[in-house]
């Protein structure tokens, strides 16, 4: 679930893990804040991470702060850096400093062939104030202070969690969707086992397509009530979930709060997966009854469409709601954030 406008405070007693990295030489450690684990490495002549003293400080060297990628793929966006001063009141900056932001992995966690980077130069870093990062999805932040020092108190950001794979119920337990292969047995919503016939892969190029047309809908954990979905469920807008015997396209359920279209996806794109079974079935995705592949869209629209058998799949005998204006008022009321929380 995205942690929106969260403050990651690197100076304070609320740090869950404080490695108190000392000065001098190459150093490595981890810290946990807001439920996110970071790794910290430095080759600075004088570097420190101490929640009770300097926060994160760098002097005459480089320090790198990275979001750890287990169990989910996580990125910073909407970044604001909040700088402070030393306990003795020394100024935040001495010398020439810069911040380099990088996206080094894809939404599925694979290393990128060429990292995407952006630089915040010294001229944009305001002493004892703030610096705002350019738009993007960043998982690594490098602080450079080659001939002086800088002190970082905290970062305010949105952390977008791109799960390495939607959890699909199988005969042997939950599996990430991208690990499925033909012949694997899946658990249906009514308890039967159905074999995977084909796993379609559709790559989305976010640089060429409008976000409002291709970005996924996020149904946040618990948004459907009864603790479902078990984790944030991301699916395309026309992919249906079943509620009270009716198929609702995910895009029709958007309420702007607990169900919303993801605004930003990785700049190098992402992949949708669709599971074909022998019939049109209700599978369990993050615990939610969600439909299997139905050939409204030809298989040739998928990257691996040539691997699939061309055949018609009869649609299950359930009504479908594909437009928000057709969602009944009582369903809207049940999915309202205050109703689910109650």
Protein backbone atom coordinates (compact mmCIF):
# COMPACT_ATOMS: atom_id res chain seq x y z
CA UNK A 1 0.00 0.00 0.00
CA UNK A 2 1.55 3.35 -0.89
CA UNK A 3 2.85 5.33 2.07
CA UNK A 4 1.75 8.81 1.01
CA UNK A 5 3.47 11.99 2.18
CA UNK A 6 5.29 10.06 4.90
CA UNK A 7 8.22 11.58 6.75
CA UNK A 8 11.28 9.38 7.19
CA UNK A 9 12.95 10.98 10.18
CA UNK A 10 16.66 10.16 10.38
CA UNK A 11 17.16 12.08 13.61
CA UNK A 12 14.96 10.96 16.47
CA UNK A 13 14.20 8.18 18.93
CA UNK A 14 11.47 6.67 16.70
CA UNK A 15 14.04 5.05 14.39
CA UNK A 16 13.30 1.33 14.59
CA UNK A 17 16.88 0.33 13.77
CA UNK A 18 19.80 2.63 14.48
CA UNK A 19 23.17 1.36 13.30
CA UNK A 20 25.00 4.45 14.64
CA UNK A 21 27.51 4.26 11.82
CA UNK A 22 30.73 5.86 12.97
CA UNK A 23 33.11 8.21 11.20
CA UNK A 24 35.81 7.27 8.75
CA UNK A 25 36.30 4.81 5.90
CA UNK A 26 33.87 2.59 4.04
CA UNK A 27 30.76 1.90 6.12
CA UNK A 28 27.56 -0.08 5.70
CA UNK A 29 24.42 -0.45 7.77
CA UNK A 30 20.63 -0.58 7.77
CA UNK A 31 17.86 1.45 9.33
CA UNK A 32 14.09 1.06 9.51
CA UNK A 33 11.58 3.91 9.49
CA UNK A 34 7.84 3.96 8.68
CA UNK A 35 8.06 0.20 8.11
CA UNK A 36 10.56 0.68 5.26
CA UNK A 37 14.07 -0.74 5.55
CA UNK A 38 16.93 1.28 4.07
CA UNK A 39 20.54 0.36 3.49
CA UNK A 40 23.26 2.94 3.99
CA UNK A 41 26.77 2.86 2.58
CA UNK A 42 29.50 5.45 2.63
CA UNK A 43 33.03 6.02 1.46
CA UNK A 44 33.20 9.40 3.13
CA UNK A 45 36.16 10.71 5.01
CA UNK A 46 33.66 11.53 7.76
CA UNK A 47 30.19 10.00 7.63
CA UNK A 48 27.69 9.37 10.37
CA UNK A 49 24.27 7.93 10.81
CA UNK A 50 23.07 8.46 14.36
CA UNK A 51 19.43 9.10 15.20
CA UNK A 52 20.30 10.93 18.41
CA UNK A 53 22.97 13.21 17.02
CA UNK A 54 23.58 14.10 13.39
CA UNK A 55 20.89 12.26 11.51
CA UNK A 56 22.53 11.45 8.20
CA UNK A 57 25.66 13.50 7.66
CA UNK A 58 28.34 13.39 5.00
CA UNK A 59 31.69 15.12 4.95
CA UNK A 60 34.43 14.97 2.31
CA UNK A 61 32.93 11.96 0.57
CA UNK A 62 29.79 10.17 -0.61
CA UNK A 63 26.93 8.38 1.13
CA UNK A 64 24.21 6.32 -0.58
CA UNK A 65 20.76 5.63 0.87
CA UNK A 66 18.87 2.78 -0.85
CA UNK A 67 15.38 1.37 -0.30
CA UNK A 68 15.72 -2.36 0.27
CA UNK A 69 13.71 -4.38 -2.27
CA UNK A 70 12.41 -7.22 -0.12
CA UNK A 71 9.62 -8.24 0.21
CA UNK A 72 8.24 -5.70 -2.28
CA UNK A 73 9.63 -3.37 -4.91
CA UNK A 74 9.57 0.13 -3.51
CA UNK A 75 10.35 3.54 -4.92
CA UNK A 76 10.35 7.13 -3.71
CA UNK A 77 8.32 9.79 -5.49
CA UNK A 78 7.30 13.35 -4.54
CA UNK A 79 10.60 13.67 -2.66
CA UNK A 80 11.40 16.61 -0.40
CA UNK A 81 14.69 16.69 1.52
CA UNK A 82 14.65 18.42 4.91
CA UNK A 83 18.03 19.65 6.10
CA UNK A 84 19.14 20.66 9.57
CA UNK A 85 22.18 21.71 11.54
CA UNK A 86 24.58 19.86 13.80
CA UNK A 87 23.89 19.62 17.56
CA UNK A 88 26.46 22.38 18.04
CA UNK A 89 24.64 24.65 15.62
CA UNK A 90 27.02 24.33 12.70
CA UNK A 91 25.53 25.29 9.33
CA UNK A 92 24.01 22.54 7.21
CA UNK A 93 26.32 22.97 4.25
CA UNK A 94 29.99 23.70 3.77
CA UNK A 95 31.62 23.44 0.36
CA UNK A 96 29.95 22.19 -2.81
CA UNK A 97 27.29 19.49 -2.46
CA UNK A 98 24.89 17.62 -4.72
CA UNK A 99 22.26 14.88 -4.60
CA UNK A 100 21.97 12.22 -7.31
CA UNK A 101 18.69 10.27 -7.55
CA UNK A 102 18.57 6.95 -9.40
CA UNK A 103 16.08 4.36 -10.53
CA UNK A 104 18.25 1.24 -10.73
CA UNK A 105 15.58 -1.50 -10.97
CA UNK A 106 12.32 -2.18 -12.72
CA UNK A 107 8.94 -2.60 -11.04
CA UNK A 108 9.59 -6.36 -10.96
CA UNK A 109 12.93 -5.88 -9.21
CA UNK A 110 15.18 -6.69 -12.17
CA UNK A 111 18.29 -4.48 -12.56
CA UNK A 112 17.95 -1.88 -15.28
CA UNK A 113 20.49 -2.03 -18.10
CA UNK A 114 20.92 1.73 -17.79
CA UNK A 115 19.84 3.48 -14.61
CA UNK A 116 17.68 6.60 -14.84
CA UNK A 117 19.26 9.46 -12.91
CA UNK A 118 18.60 13.07 -11.95
CA UNK A 119 20.83 15.54 -10.14
CA UNK A 120 19.93 18.22 -7.61
CA UNK A 121 22.88 20.65 -7.77
CA UNK A 122 24.26 22.72 -4.94
CA UNK A 123 22.41 25.79 -6.21
CA UNK A 124 19.05 24.08 -5.54
CA UNK A 125 19.90 22.91 -2.02
CA UNK A 126 18.73 25.49 0.49
CA UNK A 127 20.77 25.67 3.68
CA UNK A 128 18.71 24.93 6.82
CA UNK A 129 15.74 24.41 4.55
CA UNK A 130 14.47 22.03 1.89
CA UNK A 131 15.24 20.71 -1.58
CA UNK A 132 12.64 19.21 -3.90
CA UNK A 133 13.47 16.31 -6.20
CA UNK A 134 12.34 16.20 -9.85
CA UNK A 135 9.43 13.95 -10.76
CA UNK A 136 10.23 10.27 -11.05
CA UNK A 137 10.45 6.95 -9.22
CA UNK A 138 13.68 6.70 -7.25
CA UNK A 139 15.08 3.83 -5.18
CA UNK A 140 18.62 5.09 -4.56
CA UNK A 141 19.82 8.49 -3.34
CA UNK A 142 23.47 9.51 -3.37
CA UNK A 143 24.64 12.45 -1.26
CA UNK A 144 27.88 14.02 -2.47
CA UNK A 145 29.98 16.35 -0.35
CA UNK A 146 33.50 16.22 -1.79
CA UNK A 147 34.96 19.21 0.04
CA UNK A 148 32.62 20.04 2.89
CA UNK A 149 29.64 18.47 4.62
CA UNK A 150 25.84 18.23 4.61
CA UNK A 151 23.34 17.09 7.24
CA UNK A 152 19.99 15.50 6.36
CA UNK A 153 17.30 15.39 9.04
CA UNK A 154 14.50 13.72 7.12
CA UNK A 155 12.86 12.92 3.80
CA UNK A 156 9.20 13.51 3.02
CA UNK A 157 7.99 11.27 0.20
CA UNK A 158 5.46 8.92 -1.23
CA UNK A 159 6.65 5.31 -1.36
CA UNK A 160 4.99 3.30 -4.10
CA UNK A 161 5.05 -0.44 -3.54
CA UNK A 162 5.15 -2.32 -6.79
CA UNK A 163 4.72 -5.94 -5.69
CA UNK A 164 7.00 -8.34 -7.51
CA UNK A 165 3.86 -10.33 -8.34
CA UNK A 166 0.20 -10.45 -7.43
CA UNK A 167 -0.35 -13.44 -5.13
CA UNK A 168 -2.51 -16.09 -6.83
CA UNK A 169 -3.95 -19.01 -4.83
CA UNK A 170 -2.64 -22.36 -6.09
CA UNK A 171 -2.91 -25.98 -5.00
CA UNK A 172 0.19 -25.54 -2.84
CA UNK A 173 -0.37 -21.99 -1.60
CA UNK A 174 0.01 -18.43 -2.90
CA UNK A 175 2.34 -17.86 -5.86
CA UNK A 176 3.44 -14.70 -7.63
CA UNK A 177 1.54 -14.46 -10.90
CA UNK A 178 4.64 -14.17 -13.08
CA UNK A 179 5.97 -17.51 -11.76
CA UNK A 180 2.96 -19.48 -13.01
CA UNK A 181 3.26 -21.81 -15.99
CA UNK A 182 0.92 -24.02 -17.99
CA UNK A 183 -0.21 -27.03 -16.00
CA UNK A 184 0.02 -25.35 -12.58
CA UNK A 185 -3.14 -25.96 -10.56
CA UNK A 186 -4.94 -22.87 -9.26
CA UNK A 187 -7.52 -22.67 -6.48
CA UNK A 188 -10.78 -21.11 -7.66
CA UNK A 189 -13.05 -18.96 -5.50
CA UNK A 190 -15.43 -21.92 -5.05
CA UNK A 191 -12.63 -24.27 -3.99
CA UNK A 192 -12.01 -26.23 -7.20
CA UNK A 193 -8.66 -26.70 -8.91
CA UNK A 194 -8.17 -25.43 -12.46
CA UNK A 195 -5.01 -25.74 -14.53
CA UNK A 196 -3.21 -22.81 -16.13
CA UNK A 197 -3.55 -23.09 -19.91
CA UNK A 198 -1.55 -19.97 -20.81
CA UNK A 199 -0.06 -16.96 -19.01
CA UNK A 200 -0.35 -13.84 -21.14
CA UNK A 201 2.23 -11.07 -20.78
CA UNK A 202 1.45 -7.54 -21.95
CA UNK A 203 4.26 -5.00 -21.70
CA UNK A 204 3.22 -1.37 -21.19
CA UNK A 205 5.52 1.42 -22.41
CA UNK A 206 4.74 4.32 -20.06
CA UNK A 207 6.72 6.75 -22.20
CA UNK A 208 4.34 6.33 -25.15
CA UNK A 209 0.97 5.74 -23.47
CA UNK A 210 -1.29 8.05 -21.47
CA UNK A 211 -1.39 7.08 -17.75
CA UNK A 212 -5.19 7.44 -17.64
CA UNK A 213 -5.48 4.75 -20.29
CA UNK A 214 -2.93 2.18 -19.14
CA UNK A 215 -1.96 2.62 -15.48
CA UNK A 216 -3.36 0.01 -13.10
CA UNK A 217 -6.14 0.39 -10.59
CA UNK A 218 -5.01 -0.14 -7.01
CA UNK A 219 -7.52 -1.76 -4.66
CA UNK A 220 -5.83 -1.15 -1.34
CA UNK A 221 -5.56 -3.80 1.34
CA UNK A 222 -8.91 -4.23 3.11
CA UNK A 223 -10.79 -1.89 0.75
CA UNK A 224 -13.43 -4.52 -0.11
CA UNK A 225 -14.13 -5.37 3.52
CA UNK A 226 -13.46 -8.53 5.52
CA UNK A 227 -9.73 -7.92 5.23
CA UNK A 228 -9.74 -8.18 1.42
CA UNK A 229 -7.66 -7.81 -0.52
CA UNK A 230 -4.99 -9.20 1.77
CA UNK A 231 -2.44 -6.86 0.18
CA UNK A 232 -2.80 -4.05 -2.34
CA UNK A 233 -4.19 -5.53 -5.53
CA UNK A 234 -3.10 -3.92 -8.81
CA UNK A 235 -4.99 -4.82 -11.98
CA UNK A 236 -5.99 -3.25 -15.25
CA UNK A 237 -9.10 -1.09 -15.33
CA UNK A 238 -11.14 -3.60 -17.32
CA UNK A 239 -10.20 -6.60 -15.20
CA UNK A 240 -13.19 -7.65 -13.12
CA UNK A 241 -13.55 -8.73 -9.51
CA UNK A 242 -16.64 -10.44 -8.16
CA UNK A 243 -18.77 -8.81 -5.45
CA UNK A 244 -22.11 -10.31 -4.38
CA UNK A 245 -22.50 -12.33 -7.57
CA UNK A 246 -21.68 -9.46 -9.95
CA UNK A 247 -18.50 -8.83 -11.95
CA UNK A 248 -17.24 -5.27 -11.51
CA UNK A 249 -14.51 -3.92 -13.74
CA UNK A 250 -11.88 -2.46 -11.42
CA UNK A 251 -12.07 0.94 -13.12
CA UNK A 252 -15.76 1.20 -12.25
CA UNK A 253 -15.02 0.90 -8.52
CA UNK A 254 -12.61 3.83 -8.24
CA UNK A 255 -13.47 6.08 -5.29
CA UNK A 256 -10.29 8.15 -5.23
CA UNK A 257 -9.33 7.01 -1.75
CA UNK A 258 -9.13 3.27 -1.11
CA UNK A 259 -9.53 2.37 -4.80
CA UNK A 260 -7.67 4.58 -7.26
CA UNK A 261 -5.74 4.64 -10.50
CA UNK A 262 -2.00 4.68 -9.86
CA UNK A 263 -0.72 8.08 -11.01
CA UNK A 264 2.88 7.16 -11.74
CA UNK A 265 4.49 3.93 -12.89
CA UNK A 266 8.18 3.22 -13.56
CA UNK A 267 9.51 5.17 -16.51
CA UNK A 268 10.86 2.02 -18.15
CA UNK A 269 7.39 0.46 -18.23
CA UNK A 270 5.67 -2.45 -16.53
CA UNK A 271 3.95 -5.74 -17.37
CA UNK A 272 0.36 -6.95 -17.04
CA UNK A 273 -0.23 -10.68 -16.66
CA UNK A 274 -3.44 -12.55 -17.50
CA UNK A 275 -4.14 -16.19 -16.65
CA UNK A 276 -6.04 -18.38 -19.08
CA UNK A 277 -7.76 -21.51 -17.76
CA UNK A 278 -9.99 -23.92 -19.65
CA UNK A 279 -13.07 -21.86 -18.85
CA UNK A 280 -13.84 -18.35 -17.60
CA UNK A 281 -13.20 -18.76 -13.86
CA UNK A 282 -13.00 -16.78 -10.63
CA UNK A 283 -9.46 -17.12 -9.30
CA UNK A 284 -8.17 -15.78 -6.00
CA UNK A 285 -5.81 -12.79 -6.32
CA UNK A 286 -4.65 -11.45 -2.96
CA UNK A 287 -7.68 -13.35 -1.62
CA UNK A 288 -10.15 -11.56 -3.93
CA UNK A 289 -12.28 -13.38 -6.50
CA UNK A 290 -10.98 -12.06 -9.83
CA UNK A 291 -11.71 -13.29 -13.33
CA UNK A 292 -9.41 -15.39 -15.47
CA UNK A 293 -8.70 -14.49 -19.10
CA UNK A 294 -11.67 -13.98 -21.38
CA UNK A 295 -10.95 -13.38 -25.04
CA UNK A 296 -12.51 -9.92 -25.39
CA UNK A 297 -8.99 -8.84 -26.34
CA UNK A 298 -7.25 -11.06 -28.84
CA UNK A 299 -4.27 -13.03 -27.64
CA UNK A 300 -2.18 -11.34 -30.33
CA UNK A 301 -2.21 -8.16 -28.22
CA UNK A 302 0.07 -9.97 -25.75
CA UNK A 303 3.83 -10.28 -26.18
CA UNK A 304 3.60 -14.07 -26.13
CA UNK A 305 0.28 -14.44 -27.94
CA UNK A 306 1.82 -16.82 -30.46
CA UNK A 307 2.22 -19.37 -27.64
CA UNK A 308 -1.54 -19.58 -27.04
CA UNK A 309 -4.13 -21.76 -28.71
CA UNK A 310 -6.75 -19.69 -30.50
CA UNK A 311 -10.12 -20.74 -29.08
CA UNK A 312 -13.32 -19.16 -27.83
CA UNK A 313 -13.95 -19.03 -24.07
CA UNK A 314 -17.62 -18.70 -23.06
CA UNK A 315 -18.14 -15.97 -20.45
CA UNK A 316 -19.36 -17.06 -17.03
CA UNK A 317 -23.05 -16.53 -16.32
CA UNK A 318 -22.71 -13.45 -14.11
CA UNK A 319 -23.79 -9.85 -14.83
CA UNK A 320 -20.94 -7.40 -15.48
CA UNK A 321 -20.71 -3.72 -14.53
CA UNK A 322 -18.12 -1.87 -16.59
CA UNK A 323 -19.07 1.76 -15.88
CA UNK A 324 -18.92 3.69 -12.61
CA UNK A 325 -22.39 5.16 -13.16
CA UNK A 326 -23.87 1.64 -13.12
CA UNK A 327 -22.42 0.65 -9.76
CA UNK A 328 -25.37 0.36 -7.34
CA UNK A 329 -25.53 2.89 -4.52
CA UNK A 330 -25.41 0.18 -1.86
CA UNK A 331 -22.13 -1.16 -3.29
CA UNK A 332 -20.70 2.37 -3.40
CA UNK A 333 -21.75 2.84 0.21
CA UNK A 334 -20.19 -0.46 1.30
CA UNK A 335 -16.89 0.43 -0.40
CA UNK A 336 -16.69 3.94 1.07
CA UNK A 337 -13.57 4.27 3.27
CA UNK A 338 -15.55 5.01 6.44
CA UNK A 339 -17.88 2.05 5.86
CA UNK A 340 -14.99 -0.39 5.36
CA UNK A 341 -13.18 0.96 8.44
CA UNK A 342 -16.31 0.45 10.54
